[in-house]
Protein backbone atom coordinates (compact mmCIF):
# COMPACT_ATOMS: atom_id res chain seq x y z
CA MET A 1 -65.00 -8.92 -40.39
CA HIS A 2 -63.71 -5.63 -39.03
CA LYS A 3 -65.04 -6.45 -35.56
CA ALA A 4 -63.24 -9.80 -35.59
CA ILE A 5 -59.93 -8.17 -36.57
CA HIS A 6 -60.41 -5.51 -33.91
CA LYS A 7 -61.03 -8.19 -31.30
CA ILE A 8 -57.93 -10.09 -32.33
CA LEU A 9 -55.82 -6.91 -32.11
CA LEU A 10 -57.14 -6.20 -28.62
CA LEU A 11 -56.28 -9.73 -27.54
CA LEU A 12 -52.75 -9.37 -28.97
CA ILE A 13 -52.22 -6.04 -27.16
CA ALA A 14 -53.52 -7.51 -23.90
CA SER A 15 -51.18 -10.46 -24.34
CA GLN A 16 -48.18 -8.16 -24.90
CA ILE A 17 -49.05 -6.05 -21.84
CA SER A 18 -49.35 -9.23 -19.75
CA MET A 19 -45.92 -10.39 -20.97
CA LEU A 20 -44.38 -7.04 -20.11
CA TYR A 21 -45.76 -7.14 -16.59
CA SER A 22 -44.61 -10.72 -16.23
CA GLN A 23 -41.10 -9.79 -17.39
CA PHE A 24 -41.05 -6.83 -15.00
CA ASP A 25 -41.95 -9.09 -12.08
CA ILE A 26 -39.18 -11.55 -12.99
CA ASN A 27 -36.57 -8.78 -13.24
CA GLU A 28 -37.79 -7.19 -10.05
CA ASN A 29 -37.40 -10.45 -8.19
CA LYS A 30 -33.96 -11.05 -9.64
CA TYR A 31 -32.31 -7.72 -8.92
CA ASN A 32 -33.24 -5.07 -6.35
CA ILE A 33 -31.18 -2.10 -5.25
CA TYR A 34 -31.49 -1.15 -1.61
CA ALA A 35 -30.38 1.75 0.51
CA VAL A 36 -27.66 0.73 2.99
CA ASN A 37 -28.46 0.50 6.68
CA LEU A 38 -26.35 3.00 8.55
CA PRO A 39 -24.73 1.81 11.77
CA GLU A 40 -26.30 3.19 14.93
CA LYS A 41 -22.92 4.50 16.01
CA ILE A 42 -19.46 4.74 14.51
CA SER A 43 -16.14 6.18 15.60
CA PHE A 44 -12.67 6.89 14.29
CA ALA A 45 -9.75 6.14 16.61
CA ASN A 46 -12.21 6.02 19.53
CA GLU A 47 -13.51 9.49 18.67
CA THR A 48 -17.28 9.34 18.18
CA THR A 49 -18.87 10.54 14.94
CA PRO A 50 -21.95 12.70 15.75
CA LEU A 51 -24.57 10.82 13.72
CA HIS A 52 -27.37 12.70 15.51
CA ASP A 53 -26.53 15.61 13.17
CA TYR A 54 -28.53 14.95 9.99
CA LYS A 55 -25.81 16.43 7.72
CA ILE A 56 -23.16 14.18 9.27
CA LYS A 57 -25.46 11.20 8.77
CA GLU A 58 -25.99 12.11 5.09
CA ARG A 59 -22.25 12.48 4.47
CA LEU A 60 -21.58 9.02 5.90
CA ASP A 61 -24.51 7.57 3.96
CA LYS A 62 -23.08 8.93 0.71
CA GLU A 63 -19.70 7.25 1.21
CA LEU A 64 -21.26 3.97 2.33
CA LEU A 65 -23.43 3.91 -0.79
CA ILE A 66 -20.54 4.71 -3.13
CA ASN A 67 -18.27 2.05 -1.65
CA THR A 68 -21.00 -0.60 -1.29
CA TYR A 69 -22.19 -0.32 -4.89
CA TRP A 70 -18.74 0.06 -6.45
CA GLN A 71 -18.52 -3.68 -5.95
CA SER A 72 -15.46 -4.57 -8.02
CA LYS A 73 -13.28 -1.96 -6.33
CA THR A 74 -14.49 -2.69 -2.82
CA ILE A 75 -14.07 -6.45 -3.09
CA LEU A 76 -10.46 -5.84 -4.20
CA LEU A 77 -9.90 -3.64 -1.14
CA ILE A 78 -11.19 -6.39 1.15
CA LYS A 79 -8.91 -8.96 -0.49
CA ARG A 80 -5.85 -6.67 -0.34
CA ALA A 81 -6.52 -5.77 3.29
CA ASN A 82 -5.91 -9.41 4.22
CA LYS A 83 -2.49 -9.19 2.55
CA TYR A 84 -1.22 -5.85 3.81
CA PHE A 85 -3.02 -5.04 7.07
CA PRO A 86 -0.88 -7.37 9.23
CA ILE A 87 2.24 -5.41 8.19
CA ILE A 88 0.62 -1.99 8.70
CA GLU A 89 -1.08 -2.93 11.99
CA LYS A 90 2.18 -4.00 13.62
CA ILE A 91 3.93 -0.74 12.73
CA LEU A 92 0.98 1.40 13.86
CA MET A 93 0.94 -0.44 17.19
CA ASN A 94 4.71 -0.04 17.69
CA HIS A 95 4.35 3.73 17.14
CA ASN A 96 1.25 4.10 19.35
CA ILE A 97 -0.90 5.19 16.41
CA PRO A 98 -4.56 4.03 16.52
CA ASP A 99 -5.28 0.95 14.46
CA ASP A 100 -8.00 2.78 12.48
CA PHE A 101 -5.32 4.61 10.50
CA LYS A 102 -4.81 1.48 8.40
CA TYR A 103 -8.07 2.49 6.69
CA LEU A 104 -6.52 5.86 5.85
CA ALA A 105 -3.95 4.01 3.73
CA VAL A 106 -6.84 2.29 1.93
CA ALA A 107 -8.51 5.65 1.25
CA GLU A 108 -5.22 7.13 0.01
CA SER A 109 -4.10 4.44 -2.42
CA GLY A 110 -6.41 1.43 -2.40
CA LEU A 111 -3.39 -0.46 -1.01
CA GLU A 112 -1.51 -0.13 -4.29
CA ASN A 113 1.72 1.64 -5.19
CA THR A 114 -0.06 4.30 -7.18
CA THR A 115 1.06 7.75 -8.35
CA SER A 116 -1.37 10.66 -8.07
CA PRO A 117 -1.64 13.48 -10.63
CA SER A 118 0.26 15.71 -8.15
CA GLY A 119 3.13 13.20 -7.95
CA ALA A 120 2.29 11.62 -4.57
CA LYS A 121 3.41 7.98 -4.49
CA GLY A 122 3.03 4.73 -2.62
CA PHE A 123 0.49 3.34 -0.18
CA TRP A 124 0.66 6.52 1.94
CA GLN A 125 0.83 8.94 -1.01
CA PHE A 126 3.83 11.02 0.05
CA LEU A 127 4.88 13.93 -2.12
CA LYS A 128 8.62 13.97 -2.80
CA LYS A 129 9.32 16.98 -0.57
CA THR A 130 7.35 15.51 2.34
CA GLY A 131 8.92 12.08 1.89
CA ILE A 132 12.43 13.52 2.12
CA GLU A 133 11.37 15.60 5.14
CA TYR A 134 10.40 12.35 6.87
CA GLU A 135 13.72 10.68 5.96
CA LEU A 136 12.60 8.53 3.06
CA GLU A 137 15.34 8.03 0.48
CA ILE A 138 14.18 9.31 -2.90
CA ASN A 139 16.52 9.48 -5.89
CA SER A 140 16.90 8.06 -9.39
CA GLU A 141 17.65 4.54 -8.07
CA ILE A 142 15.55 4.27 -4.90
CA ASP A 143 12.15 5.60 -3.86
CA GLU A 144 11.22 4.54 -0.36
CA ARG A 145 7.71 5.92 -0.75
CA TYR A 146 7.19 2.50 -2.35
CA HIS A 147 8.71 0.76 0.71
CA LEU A 148 5.67 -0.30 2.74
CA GLU A 149 7.40 -0.61 6.10
CA LYS A 150 9.47 2.58 5.86
CA SER A 151 6.66 4.70 4.41
CA THR A 152 4.29 3.45 7.12
CA LYS A 153 6.79 4.53 9.79
CA ALA A 154 7.05 7.95 8.10
CA ALA A 155 3.24 8.23 8.08
CA CYS A 156 3.21 7.38 11.80
CA GLN A 157 5.63 10.22 12.47
CA TYR A 158 3.48 12.67 10.49
CA LEU A 159 0.27 11.57 12.21
CA GLN A 160 1.79 11.79 15.69
CA GLU A 161 2.96 15.34 14.96
CA ALA A 162 -0.53 16.24 13.70
CA TYR A 163 -2.14 14.77 16.82
CA ASP A 164 0.26 16.68 19.06
CA LEU A 165 -0.72 19.86 17.21
CA PHE A 166 -4.51 19.40 17.09
CA GLY A 167 -5.23 17.08 20.02
CA SER A 168 -7.57 14.96 17.88
CA TRP A 169 -6.95 11.87 15.77
CA THR A 170 -9.83 12.82 13.47
CA LEU A 171 -8.20 16.20 12.81
CA ALA A 172 -4.85 14.42 12.34
CA ALA A 173 -6.49 12.37 9.57
CA ALA A 174 -7.88 15.54 7.97
CA ALA A 175 -4.43 17.13 8.20
CA TYR A 176 -2.96 14.16 6.37
CA ASN A 177 -5.20 15.06 3.43
CA MET A 178 -4.92 18.86 3.34
CA GLY A 179 -1.74 19.55 5.29
CA LYS A 180 -1.21 20.71 8.86
CA ASN A 181 -0.82 24.39 7.97
CA GLY A 182 -3.93 24.46 5.79
CA LEU A 183 -6.05 22.83 8.48
CA LEU A 184 -4.67 25.12 11.19
CA LYS A 185 -5.61 28.21 9.15
CA ASN A 186 -9.18 26.93 8.76
CA ILE A 187 -9.49 26.20 12.48
CA LYS A 188 -8.30 29.70 13.39
CA LYS A 189 -10.54 31.33 10.78
CA GLN A 190 -13.71 29.41 11.70
CA LYS A 191 -13.01 29.34 15.47
CA VAL A 192 -14.00 25.69 15.92
CA ASN A 193 -11.87 22.69 16.86
CA SER A 194 -13.87 19.71 15.59
CA TYR A 195 -13.55 18.22 12.11
CA TYR A 196 -17.33 17.80 12.01
CA ASP A 197 -17.87 21.55 12.59
CA LEU A 198 -15.41 22.72 9.94
CA MET A 199 -16.21 23.77 6.39
CA LEU A 200 -13.29 22.51 4.32
CA ASN A 201 -12.46 21.92 0.66
CA SER A 202 -14.55 19.27 -1.08
CA GLU A 203 -11.91 16.54 -0.85
CA THR A 204 -11.16 16.95 2.86
CA HIS A 205 -14.90 17.45 3.48
CA ARG A 206 -15.42 13.84 2.32
CA TYR A 207 -12.09 12.40 3.49
CA VAL A 208 -12.84 11.18 7.03
CA PHE A 209 -16.26 9.88 5.94
CA ARG A 210 -14.62 7.88 3.17
CA ILE A 211 -12.28 6.36 5.78
CA LEU A 212 -15.23 5.60 8.07
CA ALA A 213 -17.15 3.94 5.24
CA ILE A 214 -14.13 1.82 4.27
CA LYS A 215 -13.66 0.80 7.90
CA GLU A 216 -17.33 -0.14 8.28
CA ILE A 217 -17.49 -2.19 5.06
CA ILE A 218 -14.18 -4.01 5.42
CA SER A 219 -14.88 -4.82 9.07
CA ASN A 220 -18.42 -6.04 8.38
CA HIS A 221 -18.27 -6.91 4.69
CA GLN A 222 -20.73 -9.81 4.82
CA GLU A 223 -23.42 -7.48 6.16
CA TYR A 224 -22.94 -5.36 3.03
CA GLY A 225 -23.24 -8.33 0.69
CA PHE A 226 -19.56 -9.07 0.07
CA ILE A 227 -19.11 -12.84 0.36
CA ILE A 228 -15.50 -13.96 0.07
CA ASN A 229 -14.25 -17.53 0.42
CA GLU A 230 -11.18 -18.07 2.56
CA ASP A 231 -9.01 -19.01 -0.42
CA ASP A 232 -10.09 -15.88 -2.34
CA TYR A 233 -8.19 -13.50 -0.05
CA TYR A 234 -4.78 -12.22 -1.14
CA ASN A 235 -1.80 -13.27 0.98
CA GLN A 236 1.82 -12.30 1.37
CA PRO A 237 4.25 -14.74 -0.25
CA GLU A 238 6.71 -16.40 2.07
CA TYR A 239 10.02 -14.54 2.04
CA TYR A 240 13.21 -14.00 3.99
CA THR A 241 15.25 -10.82 4.23
CA ALA A 242 18.76 -10.28 2.94
CA ASN A 243 20.77 -7.43 4.46
CA ILE A 244 22.79 -5.60 1.81
CA ASP A 245 25.37 -2.93 2.61
CA THR A 246 27.22 -2.74 -0.71
CA SER A 247 26.39 -1.69 -4.25
CA ILE A 248 24.41 -3.99 -6.53
CA THR A 249 25.58 -3.33 -10.06
CA ASN A 250 22.96 -5.50 -11.70
CA ILE A 251 19.67 -6.52 -10.06
CA ALA A 252 19.07 -9.22 -12.67
CA ASP A 253 22.43 -10.88 -11.90
CA PHE A 254 21.80 -10.51 -8.17
CA GLY A 255 18.42 -12.21 -8.58
CA ILE A 256 19.94 -15.12 -10.51
CA LYS A 257 22.50 -15.55 -7.73
CA MET A 258 19.62 -15.78 -5.25
CA GLY A 259 17.88 -18.36 -7.43
CA LEU A 260 15.28 -15.83 -8.61
CA ASN A 261 14.80 -13.44 -11.49
CA TYR A 262 14.57 -9.67 -11.96
CA LYS A 263 10.77 -9.68 -11.78
CA LYS A 264 10.63 -11.55 -8.46
CA ILE A 265 13.14 -9.17 -6.86
CA LYS A 266 11.27 -6.08 -8.05
CA GLU A 267 7.82 -7.39 -7.08
CA LEU A 268 8.78 -7.72 -3.41
CA ASN A 269 11.03 -4.64 -3.43
CA PRO A 270 9.20 -2.00 -5.51
CA TRP A 271 11.30 0.75 -3.90
CA ILE A 272 14.18 -0.30 -6.19
CA LEU A 273 13.47 1.77 -9.29
CA GLY A 274 16.05 0.53 -11.78
CA ASN A 275 18.61 -2.22 -12.23
CA THR A 276 21.30 -0.93 -9.86
CA ILE A 277 21.85 0.27 -6.28
CA THR A 278 24.90 2.52 -5.99
CA ASN A 279 25.65 2.31 -2.28
CA LYS A 280 28.67 4.56 -1.76
CA ASP A 281 27.79 5.23 1.88
CA LYS A 282 27.53 1.52 2.77
CA LYS A 283 23.93 2.01 3.88
CA ARG A 284 22.19 -1.19 4.96
CA TYR A 285 19.16 -2.20 2.91
CA GLN A 286 16.84 -5.10 3.61
CA LEU A 287 15.71 -6.94 0.50
CA LYS A 288 12.78 -9.32 0.60
CA ILE A 289 13.63 -12.56 -1.15
CA VAL A 290 10.78 -14.92 -1.99
CA SER A 291 11.16 -18.36 -0.51
CA ASN A 292 9.43 -21.68 -1.13
CA THR A 293 10.15 -22.73 2.45
CA LYS A 294 9.34 -21.19 5.81
CA PRO A 295 10.38 -17.53 6.08
CA LYS A 296 13.91 -17.24 7.43
CA GLN A 297 16.52 -14.59 7.99
CA SER A 298 19.57 -14.19 5.81
CA THR A 299 22.54 -11.91 6.34
CA ILE A 300 25.10 -10.91 3.73
CA ASP A 301 28.37 -10.04 5.45
CA THR A 302 30.89 -7.75 3.84
CA ILE A 303 34.47 -8.97 4.15
CA TYR A 304 37.42 -6.74 3.28
CA HIS A 305 40.34 -8.84 2.10
CA MET A 306 43.78 -7.20 2.10
CA CYS A 307 45.81 -8.56 -0.82
CA GLN A 308 49.21 -10.12 -0.24
CA ALA A 309 52.17 -9.90 -2.58
CA ARG A 310 51.71 -11.91 -5.81
CA GLU A 311 48.19 -12.95 -4.77
CA ASN A 312 45.58 -13.24 -7.52
CA ILE A 313 41.79 -13.22 -7.86
CA PHE A 314 41.59 -17.00 -8.34
CA GLU A 315 43.33 -17.66 -5.01
CA ILE A 316 40.99 -15.26 -3.25
CA SER A 317 38.04 -16.95 -4.92
CA ARG A 318 39.11 -20.37 -3.61
CA LYS A 319 39.85 -19.00 -0.13
CA TYR A 320 36.34 -17.59 0.35
CA ASN A 321 34.53 -20.11 -1.88
CA VAL A 322 32.96 -17.45 -4.09
CA ASP A 323 32.74 -17.08 -7.85
CA VAL A 324 35.54 -15.14 -9.57
CA ASN A 325 33.05 -13.19 -11.68
CA ASN A 326 31.30 -12.02 -8.52
CA ILE A 327 34.55 -10.70 -7.07
CA LEU A 328 35.20 -8.81 -10.31
CA GLN A 329 31.67 -7.37 -10.21
CA TRP A 330 31.75 -6.38 -6.52
CA ASN A 331 35.04 -4.53 -7.01
CA ASN A 332 34.55 -3.16 -10.55
CA LEU A 333 37.66 -5.01 -11.72
CA LEU A 334 38.61 -6.17 -15.20
CA PRO A 335 39.81 -9.78 -15.60
CA SER A 336 43.02 -8.56 -17.22
CA LYS A 337 43.91 -6.15 -14.42
CA LYS A 338 46.39 -7.42 -11.81
CA ILE A 339 45.70 -6.77 -8.17
CA LYS A 340 48.34 -5.09 -6.02
CA LYS A 341 49.75 -5.70 -2.58
CA ASN A 342 47.57 -4.15 0.18
CA GLN A 343 44.72 -3.62 -2.29
CA LYS A 344 41.36 -3.96 -0.52
CA ILE A 345 39.00 -6.50 -2.11
CA ILE A 346 35.31 -6.68 -1.16
CA ILE A 347 33.84 -10.14 -0.59
CA LEU A 348 30.12 -10.74 0.08
CA LYS A 349 29.27 -13.88 2.07
CA SER A 350 25.69 -14.96 2.67
CA HIS A 351 24.59 -17.11 5.61
CA GLU A 352 21.18 -18.03 6.97
CA TYR A 353 20.02 -18.44 10.54
């Protein structure tokens, strides 16, 4: 009796072990994790990365692994690149900055208008002081660090200055992360002039390799297992631009006038922080206005009407075919207040071409 029970127990144990091995084989076949294959050669802005150095190879390998296996983040970067790279590429080309610097913007912000713990903002992560230094408007109503085109031009200016100082685009990229003065001190202290020979802080130590990894994966994403259908990429909405050189007292009202709403205006123009633009200096701003038709250009002209004797707002409204309430808003007038002879009235007229 005891022998029979013992035999049965042995058979049960053997059966369980067999099931475990079987399950292991199934799981193993379903999901394997592989090391990434490093490219034989790689460069940044046509400056070769010395992969023959085993430490350089390991640093690149680390960033490739992190970005390959952080799948959700990386697939978002690939999708966003399709939306924003055409804008960035054109500005880089016009300023004679190597095309590879578009990947620096990805490393900085993930192509989102983020704010860092230190207060850096936008795709190019400008601190307030640096943004103002590079002629970005930053105040309580407007923050052009969130203006993709203007902040990209400011980044081009910074990078060109860094290249002129260091004579290397790779060092210019490192300077973007740690600052030109900080990098210059390290170069003088260590008596070397290559990024790959410098010992820098942990963030800048990884910085160029992170850019290289992002470049490699986005450029060859299918080789790293990222399969994206054509209709899965993000795209820019069709829009036209409206040139504004006066104050906007209410963005919501302005949006309604344009056949949009507050949200649509702010989505395409994230540099507008609040609900107003107080434009005392008559500065010209370009607003992106979403369109359901082909992108077109729109200009808003400012007309200064000199009032005649006994003229009223309603007559001016009929003359220029504009709404009375808009005239009151543009000129901060009350309906009950009479206008005077030789009083200057602002009229905004929009026309497309």
